[in-house]
N, C-alpha and C. Protein backbone atom coordinates (compact mmCIF):
# COMPACT_ATOMS: atom_id res chain seq x y z
N MET A 1 135.21 89.94 97.94
CA MET A 1 134.77 91.10 98.72
C MET A 1 133.36 90.81 99.27
N ALA A 2 133.13 91.11 100.53
CA ALA A 2 131.85 90.86 101.18
C ALA A 2 130.78 91.81 100.63
N ASP A 3 129.54 91.32 100.62
CA ASP A 3 128.40 92.13 100.19
C ASP A 3 127.93 92.97 101.37
N ASN A 4 128.25 94.27 101.34
CA ASN A 4 127.90 95.15 102.45
C ASN A 4 126.45 95.62 102.41
N SER A 5 125.69 95.19 101.40
CA SER A 5 124.30 95.62 101.32
C SER A 5 123.35 94.56 101.87
N THR A 6 123.89 93.43 102.36
CA THR A 6 123.07 92.33 102.85
C THR A 6 123.55 91.87 104.21
N ILE A 7 122.59 91.48 105.07
CA ILE A 7 122.94 90.84 106.33
C ILE A 7 122.28 89.47 106.38
N VAL A 8 122.96 88.55 107.03
CA VAL A 8 122.44 87.21 107.28
C VAL A 8 122.75 86.91 108.73
N LYS A 9 121.72 86.55 109.49
CA LYS A 9 121.89 86.27 110.92
C LYS A 9 121.07 85.04 111.27
N SER A 10 121.66 84.12 112.05
CA SER A 10 120.98 82.89 112.45
C SER A 10 121.04 82.69 113.95
N ILE A 11 120.06 81.93 114.45
CA ILE A 11 120.04 81.56 115.86
C ILE A 11 119.38 80.19 115.98
N ALA A 12 119.94 79.35 116.85
CA ALA A 12 119.33 78.04 117.12
C ALA A 12 118.39 78.18 118.31
N ILE A 13 117.18 77.68 118.12
CA ILE A 13 116.15 77.76 119.16
C ILE A 13 115.75 76.34 119.55
N GLU A 14 115.77 76.07 120.84
CA GLU A 14 115.42 74.74 121.32
C GLU A 14 113.91 74.56 121.34
N ALA A 15 113.37 74.29 120.16
CA ALA A 15 111.93 74.08 119.98
C ALA A 15 111.71 73.50 118.60
N PRO A 16 110.61 72.78 118.43
CA PRO A 16 110.29 72.28 117.09
C PRO A 16 109.95 73.42 116.14
N VAL A 17 110.11 73.17 114.87
CA VAL A 17 109.90 74.19 113.86
C VAL A 17 108.48 74.77 113.90
N TYR A 18 107.48 73.96 114.20
CA TYR A 18 106.11 74.48 114.22
C TYR A 18 105.90 75.51 115.32
N VAL A 19 106.64 75.39 116.43
CA VAL A 19 106.53 76.36 117.52
C VAL A 19 107.17 77.68 117.10
N VAL A 20 108.33 77.62 116.47
CA VAL A 20 109.00 78.84 116.01
C VAL A 20 108.15 79.52 114.94
N TRP A 21 107.59 78.74 114.03
CA TRP A 21 106.73 79.31 112.99
C TRP A 21 105.54 80.04 113.61
N GLU A 22 104.92 79.42 114.60
CA GLU A 22 103.78 80.06 115.27
C GLU A 22 104.19 81.41 115.86
N ALA A 23 105.36 81.46 116.48
CA ALA A 23 105.83 82.71 117.08
C ALA A 23 106.14 83.77 116.02
N LEU A 24 106.57 83.33 114.84
CA LEU A 24 106.90 84.27 113.77
C LEU A 24 105.68 84.80 113.04
N THR A 25 104.53 84.11 113.16
CA THR A 25 103.37 84.48 112.36
C THR A 25 102.11 84.76 113.18
N THR A 26 102.24 84.90 114.48
CA THR A 26 101.10 85.23 115.34
C THR A 26 101.30 86.64 115.88
N PRO A 27 100.49 87.61 115.42
CA PRO A 27 100.71 89.00 115.81
C PRO A 27 100.86 89.25 117.32
N LYS A 28 100.05 88.60 118.17
CA LYS A 28 100.18 88.86 119.61
C LYS A 28 101.52 88.34 120.15
N LEU A 29 102.10 87.33 119.51
CA LEU A 29 103.43 86.84 119.92
C LEU A 29 104.52 87.73 119.35
N ILE A 30 104.37 88.15 118.11
CA ILE A 30 105.36 89.05 117.49
C ILE A 30 105.53 90.29 118.37
N LYS A 31 104.44 90.82 118.86
CA LYS A 31 104.47 92.02 119.71
C LYS A 31 105.35 91.82 120.94
N ARG A 32 105.38 90.59 121.47
CA ARG A 32 106.13 90.31 122.70
C ARG A 32 107.65 90.34 122.50
N TYR A 33 108.15 89.96 121.34
CA TYR A 33 109.60 89.91 121.15
C TYR A 33 110.13 90.94 120.15
N PHE A 34 109.23 91.64 119.45
CA PHE A 34 109.65 92.54 118.37
C PHE A 34 109.33 93.99 118.71
N TYR A 35 109.88 94.48 119.81
CA TYR A 35 109.78 95.89 120.21
C TYR A 35 108.34 96.39 120.37
N GLY A 36 107.40 95.52 120.71
CA GLY A 36 106.02 95.94 120.91
C GLY A 36 105.26 96.24 119.63
N THR A 37 105.79 95.79 118.51
CA THR A 37 105.21 96.07 117.19
C THR A 37 103.88 95.34 116.99
N ASP A 38 102.90 96.05 116.45
CA ASP A 38 101.65 95.44 116.01
C ASP A 38 101.83 95.05 114.54
N THR A 39 101.55 93.79 114.22
CA THR A 39 101.70 93.29 112.86
C THR A 39 100.32 93.02 112.28
N VAL A 40 100.08 93.55 111.07
CA VAL A 40 98.79 93.40 110.42
C VAL A 40 99.02 92.79 109.03
N THR A 41 98.50 91.58 108.81
CA THR A 41 98.59 90.90 107.51
C THR A 41 97.68 89.69 107.54
N ASP A 42 97.40 89.16 106.34
CA ASP A 42 96.65 87.90 106.28
C ASP A 42 97.56 86.73 105.89
N TRP A 43 98.86 86.99 105.80
CA TRP A 43 99.87 85.96 105.52
C TRP A 43 99.65 85.27 104.18
N LYS A 44 99.24 86.03 103.16
CA LYS A 44 99.06 85.48 101.82
C LYS A 44 99.98 86.21 100.85
N VAL A 45 100.53 85.47 99.88
CA VAL A 45 101.40 86.07 98.87
C VAL A 45 100.64 87.18 98.15
N GLY A 46 101.31 88.34 98.03
CA GLY A 46 100.71 89.50 97.39
C GLY A 46 100.00 90.44 98.35
N SER A 47 99.80 90.00 99.58
CA SER A 47 99.13 90.85 100.58
C SER A 47 100.13 91.77 101.26
N SER A 48 99.60 92.86 101.80
CA SER A 48 100.45 93.78 102.55
C SER A 48 100.78 93.20 103.92
N ILE A 49 101.89 93.67 104.45
CA ILE A 49 102.28 93.39 105.82
C ILE A 49 102.65 94.74 106.42
N ILE A 50 102.04 95.06 107.54
CA ILE A 50 102.25 96.36 108.19
C ILE A 50 102.76 96.12 109.60
N PHE A 51 103.78 96.88 109.96
CA PHE A 51 104.33 96.86 111.32
C PHE A 51 104.15 98.27 111.86
N LYS A 52 103.40 98.40 112.96
CA LYS A 52 103.18 99.74 113.48
C LYS A 52 103.30 99.75 115.00
N GLY A 53 103.59 100.93 115.50
CA GLY A 53 103.73 101.08 116.94
C GLY A 53 104.31 102.43 117.27
N GLU A 54 105.00 102.46 118.39
CA GLU A 54 105.65 103.69 118.86
C GLU A 54 107.05 103.34 119.33
N TRP A 55 108.02 104.11 118.89
CA TRP A 55 109.40 103.89 119.27
C TRP A 55 109.98 105.19 119.78
N GLU A 56 110.43 105.19 121.03
CA GLU A 56 111.01 106.37 121.66
C GLU A 56 110.10 107.59 121.49
N GLY A 57 108.79 107.37 121.72
CA GLY A 57 107.82 108.45 121.68
C GLY A 57 107.33 108.84 120.30
N GLU A 58 107.82 108.18 119.26
CA GLU A 58 107.43 108.51 117.89
C GLU A 58 106.66 107.35 117.26
N LYS A 59 105.48 107.66 116.74
CA LYS A 59 104.67 106.63 116.07
C LYS A 59 105.30 106.30 114.72
N TYR A 60 105.17 105.03 114.33
CA TYR A 60 105.68 104.60 113.04
C TYR A 60 104.73 103.60 112.40
N GLU A 61 104.84 103.49 111.09
CA GLU A 61 104.14 102.45 110.34
C GLU A 61 105.05 102.02 109.19
N ASP A 62 105.67 100.86 109.36
CA ASP A 62 106.52 100.27 108.34
C ASP A 62 105.67 99.29 107.54
N LYS A 63 106.08 99.00 106.32
CA LYS A 63 105.22 98.14 105.51
C LYS A 63 105.99 97.40 104.43
N GLY A 64 105.27 96.46 103.81
CA GLY A 64 105.82 95.69 102.71
C GLY A 64 104.74 94.82 102.11
N ILE A 65 105.19 93.92 101.23
CA ILE A 65 104.30 92.98 100.54
C ILE A 65 104.89 91.58 100.71
N ILE A 66 104.03 90.63 101.06
CA ILE A 66 104.48 89.25 101.20
C ILE A 66 104.79 88.69 99.80
N GLN A 67 106.00 88.17 99.65
CA GLN A 67 106.47 87.65 98.36
C GLN A 67 106.38 86.13 98.27
N GLU A 68 106.63 85.47 99.40
CA GLU A 68 106.62 84.01 99.42
C GLU A 68 106.32 83.55 100.83
N ILE A 69 105.57 82.49 100.94
CA ILE A 69 105.30 81.91 102.25
C ILE A 69 105.13 80.41 102.07
N GLU A 70 105.91 79.67 102.82
CA GLU A 70 105.84 78.22 102.83
C GLU A 70 105.80 77.82 104.30
N THR A 71 104.65 77.40 104.77
CA THR A 71 104.42 77.14 106.19
C THR A 71 105.54 76.32 106.81
N GLU A 72 106.01 76.83 107.95
CA GLU A 72 107.07 76.20 108.76
C GLU A 72 108.41 76.12 108.05
N ARG A 73 108.57 76.92 106.99
CA ARG A 73 109.84 76.87 106.28
C ARG A 73 110.36 78.25 105.84
N ILE A 74 109.54 79.00 105.08
CA ILE A 74 110.02 80.25 104.46
C ILE A 74 108.95 81.34 104.53
N LEU A 75 109.42 82.56 104.83
CA LEU A 75 108.59 83.76 104.73
C LEU A 75 109.46 84.84 104.13
N LYS A 76 109.01 85.43 103.02
CA LYS A 76 109.75 86.52 102.39
C LYS A 76 108.80 87.68 102.15
N TYR A 77 109.29 88.88 102.45
CA TYR A 77 108.49 90.08 102.20
C TYR A 77 109.38 91.26 101.88
N THR A 78 108.82 92.23 101.15
CA THR A 78 109.52 93.49 100.94
C THR A 78 109.31 94.34 102.19
N TYR A 79 110.16 95.35 102.36
CA TYR A 79 110.09 96.12 103.60
C TYR A 79 110.56 97.56 103.38
N TRP A 80 109.73 98.48 103.86
CA TRP A 80 110.09 99.89 103.89
C TRP A 80 109.86 100.40 105.30
N SER A 81 110.83 101.13 105.83
CA SER A 81 110.73 101.66 107.19
C SER A 81 110.48 103.16 107.18
N ALA A 82 109.54 103.57 108.00
CA ALA A 82 109.25 104.99 108.16
C ALA A 82 110.47 105.74 108.72
N PHE A 83 111.34 105.01 109.45
CA PHE A 83 112.52 105.63 110.03
C PHE A 83 113.70 105.71 109.06
N SER A 84 113.52 105.21 107.85
CA SER A 84 114.62 105.18 106.89
C SER A 84 114.99 106.57 106.38
N GLY A 85 114.04 107.50 106.49
CA GLY A 85 114.30 108.83 105.95
C GLY A 85 114.15 108.89 104.44
N LYS A 86 113.72 107.78 103.86
CA LYS A 86 113.56 107.71 102.41
C LYS A 86 112.08 107.68 102.04
N GLU A 87 111.79 108.16 100.84
CA GLU A 87 110.41 108.15 100.37
C GLU A 87 109.90 106.73 100.20
N ASP A 88 108.59 106.58 100.29
CA ASP A 88 107.95 105.28 100.10
C ASP A 88 107.85 105.00 98.60
N LEU A 89 109.00 104.59 98.04
CA LEU A 89 109.12 104.26 96.63
C LEU A 89 109.72 102.87 96.50
N PRO A 90 109.38 102.13 95.45
CA PRO A 90 109.89 100.76 95.30
C PRO A 90 111.40 100.62 95.45
N GLU A 91 112.16 101.57 94.96
CA GLU A 91 113.62 101.47 95.04
C GLU A 91 114.15 101.63 96.47
N ASN A 92 113.29 102.06 97.40
CA ASN A 92 113.71 102.23 98.79
C ASN A 92 113.27 101.08 99.70
N TYR A 93 112.74 100.03 99.10
CA TYR A 93 112.34 98.84 99.86
C TYR A 93 113.50 97.84 99.90
N SER A 94 113.60 97.12 100.99
CA SER A 94 114.55 96.01 101.07
C SER A 94 113.75 94.72 101.00
N ASN A 95 114.46 93.62 101.00
CA ASN A 95 113.84 92.30 101.01
C ASN A 95 114.26 91.60 102.28
N ILE A 96 113.29 91.02 102.98
CA ILE A 96 113.57 90.28 104.20
C ILE A 96 113.07 88.86 104.02
N SER A 97 113.89 87.90 104.43
CA SER A 97 113.43 86.51 104.39
C SER A 97 113.74 85.83 105.71
N TYR A 98 112.80 84.99 106.12
CA TYR A 98 112.96 84.13 107.29
C TYR A 98 113.04 82.71 106.75
N GLU A 99 113.99 81.95 107.24
CA GLU A 99 114.09 80.55 106.86
C GLU A 99 114.23 79.71 108.12
N LEU A 100 113.45 78.65 108.21
CA LEU A 100 113.50 77.73 109.34
C LEU A 100 114.03 76.39 108.85
N THR A 101 114.98 75.85 109.62
CA THR A 101 115.56 74.55 109.30
C THR A 101 115.55 73.70 110.55
N GLU A 102 114.96 72.53 110.44
CA GLU A 102 114.90 71.61 111.58
C GLU A 102 116.27 70.97 111.78
N ARG A 103 116.75 71.00 113.02
CA ARG A 103 118.04 70.41 113.38
C ARG A 103 117.84 69.55 114.61
N GLY A 104 117.33 68.34 114.44
CA GLY A 104 117.03 67.47 115.57
C GLY A 104 115.90 68.07 116.38
N ASP A 105 116.17 68.36 117.66
CA ASP A 105 115.14 68.94 118.52
C ASP A 105 115.22 70.47 118.57
N LYS A 106 116.03 71.04 117.68
CA LYS A 106 116.17 72.50 117.59
C LYS A 106 115.72 72.98 116.23
N THR A 107 115.50 74.29 116.15
CA THR A 107 115.17 74.94 114.88
C THR A 107 116.19 76.04 114.64
N LEU A 108 116.80 76.04 113.47
CA LEU A 108 117.69 77.12 113.08
C LEU A 108 116.85 78.17 112.37
N PHE A 109 116.83 79.38 112.91
CA PHE A 109 116.08 80.50 112.35
C PHE A 109 117.09 81.46 111.73
N THR A 110 116.97 81.69 110.42
CA THR A 110 117.89 82.57 109.70
C THR A 110 117.11 83.72 109.08
N VAL A 111 117.61 84.93 109.29
CA VAL A 111 117.04 86.14 108.69
C VAL A 111 118.05 86.68 107.70
N THR A 112 117.57 87.04 106.52
CA THR A 112 118.39 87.71 105.51
C THR A 112 117.68 89.00 105.14
N GLN A 113 118.43 90.10 105.10
CA GLN A 113 117.86 91.38 104.68
C GLN A 113 118.86 92.07 103.77
N ASP A 114 118.37 92.58 102.65
CA ASP A 114 119.24 93.28 101.71
C ASP A 114 118.81 94.73 101.56
N GLY A 115 119.50 95.44 100.69
CA GLY A 115 119.11 96.81 100.34
C GLY A 115 119.74 97.90 101.18
N PHE A 116 120.81 97.60 101.90
CA PHE A 116 121.45 98.64 102.71
C PHE A 116 122.42 99.44 101.85
N LYS A 117 122.18 100.74 101.81
CA LYS A 117 123.04 101.60 101.02
C LYS A 117 124.11 102.28 101.88
N HIS A 118 123.94 102.20 103.19
CA HIS A 118 124.91 102.83 104.10
C HIS A 118 125.33 101.83 105.17
N ARG A 119 126.58 101.81 105.48
CA ARG A 119 127.15 100.90 106.48
C ARG A 119 126.48 101.06 107.85
N GLU A 120 126.15 102.31 108.21
CA GLU A 120 125.54 102.56 109.52
C GLU A 120 124.15 101.91 109.62
N LEU A 121 123.36 102.00 108.55
CA LEU A 121 122.03 101.39 108.55
C LEU A 121 122.13 99.87 108.62
N ARG A 122 123.11 99.31 107.92
CA ARG A 122 123.33 97.87 107.96
C ARG A 122 123.72 97.44 109.38
N ALA A 123 124.62 98.18 110.01
CA ALA A 123 125.06 97.86 111.37
C ALA A 123 123.90 97.95 112.36
N GLN A 124 123.05 98.97 112.22
CA GLN A 124 121.90 99.12 113.11
C GLN A 124 120.92 97.97 112.92
N ALA A 125 120.66 97.58 111.67
CA ALA A 125 119.75 96.47 111.41
C ALA A 125 120.30 95.16 111.97
N LEU A 126 121.58 94.95 111.84
CA LEU A 126 122.21 93.74 112.38
C LEU A 126 122.04 93.68 113.90
N LYS A 127 122.23 94.82 114.55
CA LYS A 127 122.05 94.91 116.00
C LYS A 127 120.58 94.65 116.36
N ASN A 128 119.66 95.28 115.64
CA ASN A 128 118.23 95.10 115.92
C ASN A 128 117.80 93.66 115.74
N TRP A 129 118.24 93.01 114.64
CA TRP A 129 117.88 91.60 114.43
C TRP A 129 118.44 90.73 115.55
N GLY A 130 119.64 91.05 116.02
CA GLY A 130 120.22 90.30 117.14
C GLY A 130 119.33 90.36 118.37
N THR A 131 118.85 91.55 118.68
CA THR A 131 117.95 91.73 119.83
C THR A 131 116.64 90.98 119.63
N VAL A 132 116.04 91.13 118.45
CA VAL A 132 114.77 90.47 118.15
C VAL A 132 114.93 88.95 118.25
N MET A 133 115.99 88.42 117.68
CA MET A 133 116.20 86.97 117.68
C MET A 133 116.44 86.43 119.10
N GLU A 134 117.19 87.16 119.89
CA GLU A 134 117.41 86.75 121.29
C GLU A 134 116.10 86.80 122.07
N ASN A 135 115.31 87.86 121.86
CA ASN A 135 114.00 87.97 122.53
C ASN A 135 113.09 86.81 122.13
N LEU A 136 113.09 86.46 120.85
CA LEU A 136 112.30 85.33 120.35
C LEU A 136 112.74 84.04 121.02
N LYS A 137 114.03 83.80 121.06
CA LYS A 137 114.59 82.59 121.67
C LYS A 137 114.18 82.49 123.14
N ILE A 138 114.32 83.57 123.87
CA ILE A 138 113.95 83.60 125.30
C ILE A 138 112.46 83.33 125.45
N MET A 139 111.64 84.01 124.64
CA MET A 139 110.19 83.82 124.76
C MET A 139 109.82 82.35 124.53
N ILE A 140 110.40 81.74 123.53
CA ILE A 140 110.05 80.36 123.21
C ILE A 140 110.61 79.37 124.22
N GLU A 141 111.86 79.54 124.59
CA GLU A 141 112.53 78.55 125.43
C GLU A 141 112.21 78.68 126.93
N GLN A 142 111.89 79.89 127.37
CA GLN A 142 111.75 80.09 128.80
C GLN A 142 110.35 80.44 129.28
N THR A 143 109.44 80.61 128.36
CA THR A 143 108.08 80.95 128.78
C THR A 143 107.09 80.12 127.98
N SER A 144 105.91 80.02 128.51
CA SER A 144 104.86 79.37 127.72
C SER A 144 104.01 80.46 127.10
N PHE A 145 103.63 80.27 125.88
CA PHE A 145 102.80 81.29 125.23
C PHE A 145 101.60 80.61 124.66
């Protein structure tokens, strides 16, 4: 039986791993492909990571804690969304991980997110990650940053 509380999504990007890593960890670049989100963190294990902005006229501030970071390879953080409708309590956080794998002249970018208690939230997150990943791919492959 499939695990309905977790999503895994991958995309191949025609760029070296260091370029994809830079796009994933540079706030001004994140803003360009991630729905205009402002990202605030120092990229150190144990530090907070905050995503804030405005979505459909409503301000938000999502947050988490960096759990693991291995340059050009792995980024893991906990995540709570203001739009979740749930209290800011540890049991309402999910875990998100980014993994980069070099494949010749391409980089495979894989996102894993767990903690979905409802099928609808999982489906929405899968759709959102698809958009974010496509935007990232386009930004890297078709524009200079």
